[in-house]
Amino acid sequence: MKGYVVAVEFEIAPGKMPVFLPLMLENAATSRREAGCRRFDVCRPHARRDGVFLYEIYDDEAAFQAHLQTAHFKAFATQTGDMIVGPKITICDWLD
């Protein structure tokens, strides 16, 4: 295994994207500086303008679990909790 991959699809509540997106981008930028975080991309699907797709790669599950305990992630989760209609999270092993 080359890495621990986390893919997240968010559906953002109507009208909340202008507030959500800057918080998401700040969280991603801070996450990229964490030990064990190799990649953290934020994308907006063309077909779902109220959607956000994250693609994250960590060294291993322990690095991802450490990410979930950071102050910046906890602040992001608190600030955006009511903006997210439904997250879909997929965990994968990066093989090649």
C-alpha atoms as a PDB file:
ATOM      1  CA  MET A   1       0.000   0.000   0.000  1.00  0.00           C
ATOM      2  CA  LYS A   2       1.335   3.419  -1.012  1.00  0.00           C
ATOM      3  CA  GLY A   3      -1.059   5.505   1.072  1.00  0.00           C
ATOM      4  CA  TYR A   4      -4.382   5.901   2.857  1.00  0.00           C
ATOM      5  CA  VAL A   5      -6.946   7.693   0.700  1.00  0.00           C
ATOM      6  CA  VAL A   6     -10.017   9.518   1.938  1.00  0.00           C
ATOM      7  CA  ALA A   7     -12.578  10.712  -0.613  1.00  0.00           C
ATOM      8  CA  VAL A   8     -15.421  12.864   0.685  1.00  0.00           C
ATOM      9  CA  GLU A   9     -18.469  14.161  -1.151  1.00  0.00           C
ATOM     10  CA  PHE A  10     -20.324  17.011   0.551  1.00  0.00           C
ATOM     11  CA  GLU A  11     -23.716  18.415  -0.397  1.00  0.00           C
ATOM     12  CA  ILE A  12     -23.848  21.978   0.892  1.00  0.00           C
ATOM     13  CA  ALA A  13     -27.111  23.513   2.103  1.00  0.00           C
ATOM     14  CA  PRO A  14     -28.665  26.013  -0.317  1.00  0.00           C
ATOM     15  CA  GLY A  15     -27.095  29.447  -0.052  1.00  0.00           C
ATOM     16  CA  LYS A  16     -24.271  28.291   2.262  1.00  0.00           C
ATOM     17  CA  MET A  17     -21.516  27.764  -0.337  1.00  0.00           C
ATOM     18  CA  PRO A  18     -20.148  31.364  -0.091  1.00  0.00           C
ATOM     19  CA  VAL A  19     -19.508  30.818   3.631  1.00  0.00           C
ATOM     20  CA  PHE A  20     -18.534  27.142   3.435  1.00  0.00           C
ATOM     21  CA  LEU A  21     -15.963  27.285   0.644  1.00  0.00           C
ATOM     22  CA  PRO A  22     -13.475  29.718   2.262  1.00  0.00           C
ATOM     23  CA  LEU A  23     -13.588  27.660   5.469  1.00  0.00           C
ATOM     24  CA  MET A  24     -13.010  24.480   3.468  1.00  0.00           C
ATOM     25  CA  LEU A  25     -10.088  25.970   1.553  1.00  0.00           C
ATOM     26  CA  GLU A  26      -8.493  27.226   4.788  1.00  0.00           C
ATOM     27  CA  ASN A  27      -8.885  23.787   6.367  1.00  0.00           C
ATOM     28  CA  ALA A  28      -7.308  22.139   3.326  1.00  0.00           C
ATOM     29  CA  ALA A  29      -4.348  24.541   3.274  1.00  0.00           C
ATOM     30  CA  THR A  30      -3.658  23.922   6.958  1.00  0.00           C
ATOM     31  CA  SER A  31      -4.102  20.162   6.545  1.00  0.00           C
ATOM     32  CA  ARG A  32      -1.482  20.054   3.779  1.00  0.00           C
ATOM     33  CA  ARG A  33       1.111  21.173   6.339  1.00  0.00           C
ATOM     34  CA  GLU A  34       0.375  18.266   8.704  1.00  0.00           C
ATOM     35  CA  ALA A  35       2.895  15.482   9.103  1.00  0.00           C
ATOM     36  CA  GLY A  36       1.646  12.493   7.156  1.00  0.00           C
ATOM     37  CA  CYS A  37      -0.648  14.424   4.794  1.00  0.00           C
ATOM     38  CA  ARG A  38       0.567  13.969   1.226  1.00  0.00           C
ATOM     39  CA  ARG A  39      -2.342  15.564  -0.633  1.00  0.00           C
ATOM     40  CA  PHE A  40      -5.561  17.415   0.123  1.00  0.00           C
ATOM     41  CA  ASP A  41      -7.512  18.581  -2.920  1.00  0.00           C
ATOM     42  CA  VAL A  42     -10.806  20.467  -2.879  1.00  0.00           C
ATOM     43  CA  CYS A  43     -12.944  20.176  -6.026  1.00  0.00           C
ATOM     44  CA  ARG A  44     -16.391  21.351  -7.170  1.00  0.00           C
ATOM     45  CA  PRO A  45     -18.280  18.983  -9.468  1.00  0.00           C
ATOM     46  CA  HIS A  46     -19.602  20.618 -12.650  1.00  0.00           C
ATOM     47  CA  ALA A  47     -22.933  18.843 -12.374  1.00  0.00           C
ATOM     48  CA  ARG A  48     -23.538  19.681  -8.688  1.00  0.00           C
ATOM     49  CA  ARG A  49     -22.780  23.310  -7.925  1.00  0.00           C
ATOM     50  CA  ASP A  50     -23.817  22.782  -4.295  1.00  0.00           C
ATOM     51  CA  GLY A  51     -21.362  19.901  -4.052  1.00  0.00           C
ATOM     52  CA  VAL A  52     -17.749  19.709  -2.905  1.00  0.00           C
ATOM     53  CA  PHE A  53     -15.432  16.750  -3.429  1.00  0.00           C
ATOM     54  CA  LEU A  54     -12.305  16.198  -1.329  1.00  0.00           C
ATOM     55  CA  TYR A  55      -9.431  13.899  -2.214  1.00  0.00           C
ATOM     56  CA  GLU A  56      -6.955  13.338   0.612  1.00  0.00           C
ATOM     57  CA  ILE A  57      -3.917  11.074   0.821  1.00  0.00           C
ATOM     58  CA  TYR A  58      -2.172  10.287   4.100  1.00  0.00           C
ATOM     59  CA  ASP A  59       0.831   8.116   4.874  1.00  0.00           C
ATOM     60  CA  ASP A  60      -1.407   5.744   6.807  1.00  0.00           C
ATOM     61  CA  GLU A  61      -4.591   5.570   8.874  1.00  0.00           C
ATOM     62  CA  ALA A  62      -2.771   6.878  11.958  1.00  0.00           C
ATOM     63  CA  ALA A  63      -1.901  10.110  10.106  1.00  0.00           C
ATOM     64  CA  PHE A  64      -5.561  10.535   9.110  1.00  0.00           C
ATOM     65  CA  GLN A  65      -6.724   9.876  12.667  1.00  0.00           C
ATOM     66  CA  ALA A  66      -4.226  12.499  13.884  1.00  0.00           C
ATOM     67  CA  HIS A  67      -5.711  14.935  11.339  1.00  0.00           C
ATOM     68  CA  LEU A  68      -9.165  14.409  12.871  1.00  0.00           C
ATOM     69  CA  GLN A  69      -7.787  15.456  16.265  1.00  0.00           C
ATOM     70  CA  THR A  70      -6.232  18.751  15.150  1.00  0.00           C
ATOM     71  CA  ALA A  71      -7.629  22.027  16.441  1.00  0.00           C
ATOM     72  CA  HIS A  72      -8.146  23.374  12.927  1.00  0.00           C
ATOM     73  CA  PHE A  73     -10.178  20.337  11.842  1.00  0.00           C
ATOM     74  CA  LYS A  74     -12.334  20.455  14.975  1.00  0.00           C
ATOM     75  CA  ALA A  75     -12.951  24.184  14.418  1.00  0.00           C
ATOM     76  CA  PHE A  76     -13.865  23.550  10.779  1.00  0.00           C
ATOM     77  CA  ALA A  77     -16.285  20.771  11.751  1.00  0.00           C
ATOM     78  CA  THR A  78     -17.962  23.016  14.335  1.00  0.00           C
ATOM     79  CA  GLN A  79     -18.210  26.007  11.987  1.00  0.00           C
ATOM     80  CA  THR A  80     -19.613  24.050   9.044  1.00  0.00           C
ATOM     81  CA  GLY A  81     -21.689  21.324  10.680  1.00  0.00           C
ATOM     82  CA  ASP A  82     -25.037  22.937   9.852  1.00  0.00           C
ATOM     83  CA  MET A  83     -23.943  23.755   6.291  1.00  0.00           C
ATOM     84  CA  ILE A  84     -23.388  20.146   5.231  1.00  0.00           C
ATOM     85  CA  VAL A  85     -26.529  18.297   4.171  1.00  0.00           C
ATOM     86  CA  GLY A  86     -24.942  14.901   3.790  1.00  0.00           C
ATOM     87  CA  PRO A  87     -21.356  13.711   3.569  1.00  0.00           C
ATOM     88  CA  LYS A  88     -20.396  10.522   1.780  1.00  0.00           C
ATOM     89  CA  ILE A  89     -16.986   9.215   2.842  1.00  0.00           C
ATOM     90  CA  THR A  90     -15.024   6.519   1.020  1.00  0.00           C
ATOM     91  CA  ILE A  91     -11.791   5.116   2.442  1.00  0.00           C
ATOM     92  CA  CYS A  92      -9.344   3.422   0.062  1.00  0.00           C
ATOM     93  CA  ASP A  93      -5.848   2.028  -0.035  1.00  0.00           C
ATOM     94  CA  TRP A  94      -3.648   3.687  -2.643  1.00  0.00           C
ATOM     95  CA  LEU A  95      -2.098   0.766  -4.486  1.00  0.00           C
ATOM     96  CA  ASP A  96      -0.286   2.281  -7.437  1.00  0.00           C
END
